[in-house]
């Protein structure tokens, strides 16, 4: 029986709804913390209750004003550190700057590594995140990183809503092939992928489909959807290749710029996203978006982490 003794959960301002879901699932209140901004934009944090020798979890995600959310996290971690918390865990469902994970051109920064340094210097003892854009980001840390997967939630959704004999899992690019093949193997269905040719960054010139989708329901899977240009183009190619319907499942629905009108006008029947980022406004503006809750997964990993239990079970199944 989870009692919540010795554990405290605090929320930043980027996604308080997710923190509420997690706290409700654990049956404990969100800790009292005041997070405000001064007139020149400086973040002020005050932890308004004792956390001495407590196991503290701070929930903030890399969305909206990403730099503000990151600074909030670092300042809250530091505030807890000097308030004598026993252990401090940063819960970052979407890791900030995850796409800047390598030096891909001359004089470019590796910002994901800088973020890791910032979190550790702040006093963070443990990181919980979900579907990192690149797995090597775990190696940027000298503290434990629990990388969770949305795959069990996705496969559960597909099993519940589709006839598996009609399904083909599709990766929109070669980089996501491992994720898509893992899901296809788990479901026992076929797999296809797109090979992308780019003329310049963020602009796809040609997409070549490898695999068979005719008379099948195609499910595109990816870790994040930002402008959704690739997803919409892939959906169009799948429809032209004979797929009866096209769905997309992404973990992090960033949906910036003209993503919502693009989705509305695309061949996609539905875009299924998780609530690692706030989605209320997006759902209100676009009827093709459906949200599945991963708050129960994050709550369970917090509970297991607190009691020193194995987290790997959550890589394969959704907690109830």
Protein backbone atom coordinates (compact mmCIF):
# COMPACT_ATOMS: atom_id res chain seq x y z
CA UNK A 1 0.00 0.00 0.00
CA UNK A 2 1.45 3.35 -1.08
CA UNK A 3 1.36 5.80 1.83
CA UNK A 4 3.31 8.70 0.33
CA UNK A 5 5.43 9.07 3.46
CA UNK A 6 8.76 10.76 2.72
CA UNK A 7 7.84 11.66 -0.86
CA UNK A 8 7.02 15.12 -2.19
CA UNK A 9 5.87 16.12 -5.67
CA UNK A 10 6.28 19.66 -6.98
CA UNK A 11 5.11 21.12 -10.29
CA UNK A 12 6.62 23.81 -12.50
CA UNK A 13 4.40 26.04 -14.61
CA UNK A 14 4.87 24.26 -17.98
CA UNK A 15 2.39 21.38 -17.45
CA UNK A 16 0.60 21.51 -14.06
CA UNK A 17 -2.24 19.31 -15.40
CA UNK A 18 0.12 16.34 -15.77
CA UNK A 19 1.44 16.89 -12.24
CA UNK A 20 -2.17 16.81 -10.98
CA UNK A 21 -2.81 13.52 -12.79
CA UNK A 22 0.36 11.98 -11.30
CA UNK A 23 -0.35 13.24 -7.76
CA UNK A 24 -3.96 12.02 -7.94
CA UNK A 25 -2.81 8.59 -9.11
CA UNK A 26 -0.35 8.41 -6.20
CA UNK A 27 -2.95 9.72 -3.76
CA UNK A 28 -0.79 12.55 -2.43
CA UNK A 29 -1.14 16.35 -2.76
CA UNK A 30 1.17 18.47 -4.89
CA UNK A 31 3.72 20.20 -2.66
CA UNK A 32 3.41 23.90 -1.94
CA UNK A 33 5.81 25.94 -4.06
CA UNK A 34 5.59 29.52 -5.29
CA UNK A 35 6.98 30.07 -8.79
CA UNK A 36 6.81 33.69 -9.96
CA UNK A 37 8.55 35.98 -12.46
CA UNK A 38 9.92 39.43 -11.80
CA UNK A 39 9.35 42.42 -14.08
CA UNK A 40 12.56 41.68 -16.00
CA UNK A 41 11.70 37.99 -16.42
CA UNK A 42 13.75 36.41 -13.61
CA UNK A 43 12.24 33.28 -12.09
CA UNK A 44 11.66 33.28 -8.33
CA UNK A 45 11.00 30.01 -6.48
CA UNK A 46 10.07 29.43 -2.85
CA UNK A 47 9.41 25.94 -1.47
CA UNK A 48 6.64 26.62 1.05
CA UNK A 49 6.89 23.44 3.16
CA UNK A 50 9.57 21.33 4.81
CA UNK A 51 11.32 18.82 2.55
CA UNK A 52 14.20 17.88 4.85
CA UNK A 53 15.26 14.26 4.16
CA UNK A 54 12.36 13.78 1.70
CA UNK A 55 12.43 12.08 -1.71
CA UNK A 56 11.48 14.99 -4.00
CA UNK A 57 10.09 14.77 -7.57
CA UNK A 58 9.83 17.94 -9.66
CA UNK A 59 7.60 17.74 -12.74
CA UNK A 60 8.19 20.12 -15.64
CA UNK A 61 8.36 19.46 -19.35
CA UNK A 62 10.13 21.04 -22.32
CA UNK A 63 7.26 22.94 -23.94
CA UNK A 64 5.89 26.44 -24.43
CA UNK A 65 8.59 28.79 -23.17
CA UNK A 66 11.23 26.04 -23.08
CA UNK A 67 14.00 28.21 -21.65
CA UNK A 68 11.71 29.38 -18.84
CA UNK A 69 10.69 25.78 -18.06
CA UNK A 70 14.34 24.68 -17.99
CA UNK A 71 15.41 27.51 -15.69
CA UNK A 72 12.42 26.80 -13.44
CA UNK A 73 13.52 23.18 -13.17
CA UNK A 74 17.13 24.08 -12.35
CA UNK A 75 16.12 26.69 -9.77
CA UNK A 76 13.58 24.36 -8.11
CA UNK A 77 16.17 21.57 -7.96
CA UNK A 78 18.68 23.96 -6.40
CA UNK A 79 16.08 25.25 -3.92
CA UNK A 80 15.33 21.67 -2.83
CA UNK A 81 19.03 20.82 -2.63
CA UNK A 82 19.84 23.63 -0.18
CA UNK A 83 16.64 22.83 1.76
CA UNK A 84 18.21 19.42 2.63
CA UNK A 85 16.08 17.14 0.44
CA UNK A 86 17.35 13.55 0.59
CA UNK A 87 17.09 12.90 -3.16
CA UNK A 88 15.88 15.11 -6.00
CA UNK A 89 14.44 13.69 -9.23
CA UNK A 90 13.72 15.82 -12.31
CA UNK A 91 10.69 14.44 -14.16
CA UNK A 92 11.03 15.75 -17.74
CA UNK A 93 8.56 13.88 -19.99
CA UNK A 94 9.93 15.87 -22.96
CA UNK A 95 13.65 16.50 -22.50
CA UNK A 96 14.53 20.11 -23.50
CA UNK A 97 16.82 20.53 -26.51
CA UNK A 98 16.75 16.77 -27.19
CA UNK A 99 17.17 17.35 -30.94
CA UNK A 100 20.50 19.13 -30.40
CA UNK A 101 22.23 15.91 -29.35
CA UNK A 102 25.27 15.92 -31.65
CA UNK A 103 27.63 18.25 -33.48
CA UNK A 104 26.15 17.96 -36.94
CA UNK A 105 28.01 20.92 -38.49
CA UNK A 106 31.07 23.04 -37.78
CA UNK A 107 30.91 25.24 -34.66
CA UNK A 108 27.52 23.83 -33.63
CA UNK A 109 26.77 23.24 -29.92
CA UNK A 110 25.66 19.99 -28.30
CA UNK A 111 22.94 21.68 -26.27
CA UNK A 112 21.42 18.45 -24.91
CA UNK A 113 24.75 17.87 -23.12
CA UNK A 114 24.70 21.44 -21.77
CA UNK A 115 21.19 20.83 -20.37
CA UNK A 116 22.47 17.63 -18.67
CA UNK A 117 25.31 19.62 -17.09
CA UNK A 118 22.90 22.32 -15.89
CA UNK A 119 20.59 19.79 -14.23
CA UNK A 120 23.46 17.99 -12.51
CA UNK A 121 25.13 21.21 -11.33
CA UNK A 122 21.77 22.31 -9.90
CA UNK A 123 21.85 19.26 -7.63
CA UNK A 124 19.71 16.72 -9.50
CA UNK A 125 20.24 13.09 -8.38
CA UNK A 126 18.02 11.27 -10.88
CA UNK A 127 16.23 11.93 -14.19
CA UNK A 128 12.93 10.48 -15.42
CA UNK A 129 12.08 11.15 -19.07
CA UNK A 130 10.09 9.56 -21.90
CA UNK A 131 11.02 8.60 -25.47
CA UNK A 132 14.27 10.54 -25.75
CA UNK A 133 14.87 11.76 -29.30
CA UNK A 134 18.30 10.10 -29.13
CA UNK A 135 19.20 7.38 -26.61
CA UNK A 136 22.79 8.60 -26.28
CA UNK A 137 21.51 11.58 -24.24
CA UNK A 138 21.45 9.16 -21.29
CA UNK A 139 25.25 9.05 -21.57
CA UNK A 140 25.48 12.81 -21.04
CA UNK A 141 24.57 12.26 -17.37
CA UNK A 142 26.62 10.93 -14.47
CA UNK A 143 23.41 10.29 -12.48
CA UNK A 144 20.80 7.57 -13.19
CA UNK A 145 18.39 8.23 -16.08
CA UNK A 146 15.12 6.29 -16.35
CA UNK A 147 14.00 6.52 -19.98
CA UNK A 148 10.38 5.41 -20.29
CA UNK A 149 8.61 4.40 -23.49
CA UNK A 150 5.15 5.25 -24.83
CA UNK A 151 5.24 2.03 -26.88
CA UNK A 152 3.20 -0.09 -24.39
CA UNK A 153 0.48 2.61 -24.35
CA UNK A 154 0.54 2.76 -28.17
CA UNK A 155 0.28 -1.01 -28.62
CA UNK A 156 -2.54 -1.17 -26.08
CA UNK A 157 -4.42 1.53 -28.00
CA UNK A 158 -3.89 -0.28 -31.34
CA UNK A 159 -5.01 -3.65 -29.91
CA UNK A 160 -8.15 -2.02 -28.45
CA UNK A 161 -9.17 -0.03 -31.54
CA UNK A 162 -8.07 -2.02 -34.61
CA UNK A 163 -8.17 -5.46 -36.15
CA UNK A 164 -4.49 -6.45 -36.15
CA UNK A 165 -4.83 -8.41 -39.40
CA UNK A 166 -5.42 -5.08 -41.19
CA UNK A 167 -2.58 -3.12 -39.59
CA UNK A 168 0.85 -2.16 -40.93
CA UNK A 169 3.22 -0.09 -38.79
CA UNK A 170 5.11 2.60 -40.72
CA UNK A 171 8.16 4.65 -39.78
CA UNK A 172 8.21 8.10 -41.45
CA UNK A 173 12.02 7.97 -41.67
CA UNK A 174 14.93 5.55 -41.33
CA UNK A 175 15.85 6.97 -37.90
CA UNK A 176 12.60 5.71 -36.41
CA UNK A 177 12.88 2.21 -37.91
CA UNK A 178 13.95 0.61 -34.62
CA UNK A 179 10.93 2.03 -32.79
CA UNK A 180 8.51 0.96 -35.53
CA UNK A 181 9.96 -2.56 -35.93
CA UNK A 182 9.81 -3.09 -32.17
CA UNK A 183 6.12 -2.16 -32.15
CA UNK A 184 5.39 -4.26 -35.25
CA UNK A 185 7.11 -7.29 -33.67
CA UNK A 186 5.18 -6.82 -30.44
CA UNK A 187 1.87 -6.68 -32.33
CA UNK A 188 2.84 -9.39 -34.83
CA UNK A 189 2.07 -7.18 -37.84
CA UNK A 190 3.91 -5.99 -40.98
CA UNK A 191 6.30 -3.06 -41.09
CA UNK A 192 7.18 -0.41 -43.70
CA UNK A 193 9.35 2.71 -43.74
CA UNK A 194 10.04 5.83 -45.75
CA UNK A 195 13.43 6.86 -47.07
CA UNK A 196 13.68 10.66 -47.07
CA UNK A 197 15.85 12.72 -49.40
CA UNK A 198 16.46 16.33 -48.33
CA UNK A 199 17.68 19.25 -50.41
CA UNK A 200 18.09 21.39 -47.28
CA UNK A 201 17.36 21.16 -43.54
CA UNK A 202 13.68 20.77 -42.56
CA UNK A 203 12.63 20.46 -46.21
CA UNK A 204 11.96 16.99 -47.62
CA UNK A 205 12.36 16.79 -51.40
CA UNK A 206 11.33 13.14 -51.90
CA UNK A 207 9.98 10.24 -49.85
CA UNK A 208 10.32 6.64 -51.03
CA UNK A 209 8.11 3.97 -49.42
CA UNK A 210 9.77 0.64 -48.65
CA UNK A 211 7.16 -2.03 -47.89
CA UNK A 212 3.56 -2.92 -48.77
CA UNK A 213 0.54 -1.00 -47.44
CA UNK A 214 -2.13 -1.65 -50.08
CA UNK A 215 -5.55 -2.45 -48.54
CA UNK A 216 -4.09 -2.01 -45.06
CA UNK A 217 -4.62 0.48 -42.23
CA UNK A 218 -1.27 2.27 -41.95
CA UNK A 219 -0.17 3.51 -38.51
CA UNK A 220 2.72 5.98 -38.60
CA UNK A 221 4.78 6.03 -35.39
CA UNK A 222 7.30 8.66 -34.29
CA UNK A 223 8.71 10.16 -31.11
CA UNK A 224 7.59 13.73 -31.78
CA UNK A 225 5.49 15.80 -34.18
CA UNK A 226 6.56 19.43 -34.51
CA UNK A 227 5.51 21.14 -37.75
CA UNK A 228 4.04 17.81 -38.97
CA UNK A 229 5.32 18.34 -42.53
CA UNK A 230 6.89 14.87 -42.69
CA UNK A 231 3.85 13.13 -41.13
CA UNK A 232 1.39 14.82 -43.51
CA UNK A 233 3.57 14.07 -46.55
CA UNK A 234 3.97 10.45 -45.42
CA UNK A 235 0.18 10.14 -44.94
CA UNK A 236 -0.38 11.44 -48.48
CA UNK A 237 2.11 8.91 -49.92
CA UNK A 238 0.50 6.07 -47.95
CA UNK A 239 -2.97 6.98 -49.24
CA UNK A 240 -1.60 7.09 -52.81
CA UNK A 241 0.06 3.68 -52.23
CA UNK A 242 -3.34 2.12 -51.49
CA UNK A 243 -3.66 2.27 -47.68
CA UNK A 244 -7.34 2.26 -46.72
CA UNK A 245 -6.81 4.58 -43.74
CA UNK A 246 -3.82 6.36 -42.22
CA UNK A 247 -3.35 7.04 -38.52
CA UNK A 248 -0.34 8.48 -36.69
CA UNK A 249 0.88 7.88 -33.14
CA UNK A 250 3.48 10.24 -31.66
CA UNK A 251 4.69 10.53 -28.08
CA UNK A 252 5.35 14.28 -27.97
CA UNK A 253 2.80 16.41 -29.82
CA UNK A 254 4.70 19.72 -30.05
CA UNK A 255 2.49 20.87 -32.97
CA UNK A 256 4.08 24.26 -33.67
CA UNK A 257 3.58 26.71 -36.53
CA UNK A 258 0.95 25.58 -39.04
CA UNK A 259 0.82 22.00 -37.73
CA UNK A 260 -2.89 22.04 -36.79
CA UNK A 261 -4.25 23.26 -40.16
CA UNK A 262 -1.81 20.89 -41.89
CA UNK A 263 -3.17 17.93 -39.91
CA UNK A 264 -6.77 19.00 -40.58
CA UNK A 265 -6.12 19.14 -44.33
CA UNK A 266 -4.00 15.95 -44.46
CA UNK A 267 -4.89 12.36 -45.33
CA UNK A 268 -4.59 11.42 -41.64
CA UNK A 269 -7.74 10.01 -40.06
CA UNK A 270 -6.41 10.76 -36.60
CA UNK A 271 -3.23 11.89 -34.83
CA UNK A 272 -2.89 10.18 -31.46
CA UNK A 273 -0.56 11.96 -29.01
CA UNK A 274 0.25 11.46 -25.33
CA UNK A 275 -0.13 14.15 -22.68
CA UNK A 276 3.62 14.65 -22.13
CA UNK A 277 2.75 18.18 -23.31
CA UNK A 278 -0.48 20.17 -22.69
CA UNK A 279 -2.94 19.36 -25.47
CA UNK A 280 -6.25 21.00 -24.44
CA UNK A 281 -5.92 23.90 -26.90
CA UNK A 282 -4.80 21.65 -29.75
CA UNK A 283 -7.74 19.27 -29.22
CA UNK A 284 -10.14 22.23 -29.21
CA UNK A 285 -8.71 23.55 -32.50
CA UNK A 286 -8.30 20.25 -34.40
CA UNK A 287 -10.83 17.43 -34.28
CA UNK A 288 -8.34 14.89 -35.67
CA UNK A 289 -6.22 14.93 -32.49
CA UNK A 290 -6.78 12.33 -29.77
CA UNK A 291 -4.86 12.28 -26.47
CA UNK A 292 -3.96 9.23 -24.41
CA UNK A 293 -2.88 9.61 -20.80
CA UNK A 294 0.61 8.52 -19.70
CA UNK A 295 0.25 10.05 -16.23
CA UNK A 296 -0.33 6.56 -14.78
CA UNK A 297 3.02 5.38 -16.25
CA UNK A 298 4.91 8.33 -14.75
CA UNK A 299 3.12 7.90 -11.41
CA UNK A 300 4.06 4.21 -11.29
CA UNK A 301 7.72 4.88 -12.11
CA UNK A 302 7.81 7.47 -9.30
CA UNK A 303 6.29 4.95 -6.88
CA UNK A 304 8.73 2.23 -7.97
CA UNK A 305 11.68 4.62 -7.82
CA UNK A 306 10.73 5.71 -4.30
CA UNK A 307 10.53 2.13 -3.02
CA UNK A 308 13.61 0.92 -4.94
CA UNK A 309 11.63 -1.44 -7.21
CA UNK A 310 12.50 -2.35 -10.81
CA UNK A 311 11.27 0.07 -13.47
CA UNK A 312 11.98 -2.19 -16.47
CA UNK A 313 8.56 -3.87 -16.16
CA UNK A 314 7.04 -0.62 -17.44
CA UNK A 315 8.98 -0.98 -20.71
CA UNK A 316 6.60 -3.76 -21.74
CA UNK A 317 3.25 -3.14 -20.07
CA UNK A 318 0.93 -0.34 -19.00
CA UNK A 319 0.20 -0.16 -15.24
CA UNK A 320 -3.42 -0.33 -14.11
